Amino acid sequence: MHHMPQLLEKNQKRKVKLATLMQLQSSLT
């Protein structure tokens, strides 16, 4: 069960990256 938090963190980071990308796109258009 020790790897679960790490996996969650990775998922969170990917979500943040995706959100940042979306924000960038929306600000570009």
PDB file of N, CA and C in Angstrom:
ATOM      1  N   MET A   1       0.825  -1.213   0.000  1.00  0.00           N
ATOM      2  CA  MET A   1       0.000   0.000   0.000  1.00  0.00           C
ATOM      3  C   MET A   1       0.861   1.265   0.000  1.00  0.00           C
ATOM      4  N   HIS A   2       2.172   1.077   0.016  1.00  0.00           N
ATOM      5  CA  HIS A   2       3.052   2.241   0.107  1.00  0.00           C
ATOM      6  C   HIS A   2       3.128   2.992  -1.217  1.00  0.00           C
ATOM      7  N   HIS A   3       2.810   2.299  -2.299  1.00  0.00           N
ATOM      8  CA  HIS A   3       2.954   2.932  -3.613  1.00  0.00           C
ATOM      9  C   HIS A   3       1.710   3.730  -3.989  1.00  0.00           C
ATOM     10  N   MET A   4       0.651   3.578  -3.235  1.00  0.00           N
ATOM     11  CA  MET A   4      -0.593   4.264  -3.577  1.00  0.00           C
ATOM     12  C   MET A   4      -0.461   5.791  -3.558  1.00  0.00           C
ATOM     13  N   PRO A   5       0.059   6.369  -2.476  1.00  0.00           N
ATOM     14  CA  PRO A   5       0.208   7.835  -2.443  1.00  0.00           C
ATOM     15  C   PRO A   5       1.033   8.356  -3.605  1.00  0.00           C
ATOM     16  N   GLN A   6       2.092   7.609  -3.942  1.00  0.00           N
ATOM     17  CA  GLN A   6       2.942   8.050  -5.053  1.00  0.00           C
ATOM     18  C   GLN A   6       2.128   8.080  -6.343  1.00  0.00           C
ATOM     19  N   LEU A   7       1.326   7.045  -6.552  1.00  0.00           N
ATOM     20  CA  LEU A   7       0.507   6.965  -7.754  1.00  0.00           C
ATOM     21  C   LEU A   7      -0.478   8.133  -7.780  1.00  0.00           C
ATOM     22  N   LEU A   8      -1.049   8.417  -6.634  1.00  0.00           N
ATOM     23  CA  LEU A   8      -1.993   9.524  -6.545  1.00  0.00           C
ATOM     24  C   LEU A   8      -1.302  10.835  -6.887  1.00  0.00           C
ATOM     25  N   GLU A   9      -0.099  10.987  -6.366  1.00  0.00           N
ATOM     26  CA  GLU A   9       0.653  12.215  -6.619  1.00  0.00           C
ATOM     27  C   GLU A   9       0.919  12.365  -8.110  1.00  0.00           C
ATOM     28  N   LYS A  10       1.290  11.253  -8.743  1.00  0.00           N
ATOM     29  CA  LYS A  10       1.564  11.292 -10.187  1.00  0.00           C
ATOM     30  C   LYS A  10       0.309  11.711 -10.936  1.00  0.00           C
ATOM     31  N   ASN A  11      -0.810  11.126 -10.548  1.00  0.00           N
ATOM     32  CA  ASN A  11      -2.082  11.444 -11.180  1.00  0.00           C
ATOM     33  C   ASN A  11      -2.405  12.923 -11.002  1.00  0.00           C
ATOM     34  N   GLN A  12      -2.173  13.423  -9.794  1.00  0.00           N
ATOM     35  CA  GLN A  12      -2.462  14.818  -9.489  1.00  0.00           C
ATOM     36  C   GLN A  12      -1.595  15.733 -10.345  1.00  0.00           C
ATOM     37  N   LYS A  13      -0.316  15.387 -10.434  1.00  0.00           N
ATOM     38  CA  LYS A  13       0.602  16.219 -11.223  1.00  0.00           C
ATOM     39  C   LYS A  13       0.162  16.253 -12.678  1.00  0.00           C
ATOM     40  N   ARG A  14      -0.295  15.090 -13.184  1.00  0.00           N
ATOM     41  CA  ARG A  14      -0.729  15.034 -14.581  1.00  0.00           C
ATOM     42  C   ARG A  14      -1.980  15.888 -14.767  1.00  0.00           C
ATOM     43  N   LYS A  15      -2.860  15.843 -13.771  1.00  0.00           N
ATOM     44  CA  LYS A  15      -4.081  16.648 -13.855  1.00  0.00           C
ATOM     45  C   LYS A  15      -3.739  18.127 -13.873  1.00  0.00           C
ATOM     46  N   VAL A  16      -2.791  18.494 -13.025  1.00  0.00           N
ATOM     47  CA  VAL A  16      -2.373  19.901 -12.950  1.00  0.00           C
ATOM     48  C   VAL A  16      -1.774  20.333 -14.279  1.00  0.00           C
ATOM     49  N   LYS A  17      -0.951  19.447 -14.846  1.00  0.00           N
ATOM     50  CA  LYS A  17      -0.313  19.769 -16.127  1.00  0.00           C
ATOM     51  C   LYS A  17      -1.376  19.959 -17.199  1.00  0.00           C
ATOM     52  N   LEU A  18      -2.364  19.082 -17.181  1.00  0.00           N
ATOM     53  CA  LEU A  18      -3.439  19.153 -18.162  1.00  0.00           C
ATOM     54  C   LEU A  18      -4.219  20.459 -17.987  1.00  0.00           C
ATOM     55  N   ALA A  19      -4.489  20.808 -16.741  1.00  0.00           N
ATOM     56  CA  ALA A  19      -5.235  22.032 -16.457  1.00  0.00           C
ATOM     57  C   ALA A  19      -4.443  23.253 -16.926  1.00  0.00           C
ATOM     58  N   THR A  20      -3.140  23.225 -16.685  1.00  0.00           N
ATOM     59  CA  THR A  20      -2.294  24.341 -17.104  1.00  0.00           C
ATOM     60  C   THR A  20      -2.298  24.461 -18.621  1.00  0.00           C
ATOM     61  N   LEU A  21      -2.245  23.316 -19.281  1.00  0.00           N
ATOM     62  CA  LEU A  21      -2.263  23.316 -20.739  1.00  0.00           C
ATOM     63  C   LEU A  21      -3.572  23.903 -21.246  1.00  0.00           C
ATOM     64  N   MET A  22      -4.670  23.491 -20.637  1.00  0.00           N
ATOM     65  CA  MET A  22      -5.987  23.997 -21.047  1.00  0.00           C
ATOM     66  C   MET A  22      -6.061  25.500 -20.841  1.00  0.00           C
ATOM     67  N   GLN A  23      -5.536  25.961 -19.703  1.00  0.00           N
ATOM     68  CA  GLN A  23      -5.548  27.394 -19.424  1.00  0.00           C
ATOM     69  C   GLN A  23      -4.740  28.149 -20.471  1.00  0.00           C
ATOM     70  N   LEU A  24      -3.596  27.593 -20.827  1.00  0.00           N
ATOM     71  CA  LEU A  24      -2.746  28.225 -21.831  1.00  0.00           C
ATOM     72  C   LEU A  24      -3.483  28.322 -23.161  1.00  0.00           C
ATOM     73  N   GLN A  25      -4.136  27.217 -23.531  1.00  0.00           N
ATOM     74  CA  GLN A  25      -4.863  27.202 -24.800  1.00  0.00           C
ATOM     75  C   GLN A  25      -5.985  28.231 -24.807  1.00  0.00           C
ATOM     76  N   SER A  26      -6.732  28.280 -23.701  1.00  0.00           N
ATOM     77  CA  SER A  26      -7.868  29.202 -23.636  1.00  0.00           C
ATOM     78  C   SER A  26      -7.385  30.650 -23.660  1.00  0.00           C
ATOM     79  N   SER A  27      -6.204  30.889 -23.109  1.00  0.00           N
ATOM     80  CA  SER A  27      -5.675  32.253 -23.085  1.00  0.00           C
ATOM     81  C   SER A  27      -5.093  32.622 -24.446  1.00  0.00           C
ATOM     82  N   LEU A  28      -4.725  31.605 -25.212  1.00  0.00           N
ATOM     83  CA  LEU A  28      -4.156  31.855 -26.540  1.00  0.00           C
ATOM     84  C   LEU A  28      -5.248  32.238 -27.528  1.00  0.00           C
ATOM     85  N   THR A  29      -6.380  31.562 -27.441  1.00  0.00           N
ATOM     86  CA  THR A  29      -7.461  31.810 -28.394  1.00  0.00           C
ATOM     87  C   THR A  29      -8.232  33.060 -28.025  1.00  0.00           C
TER      88      THR A  29
END
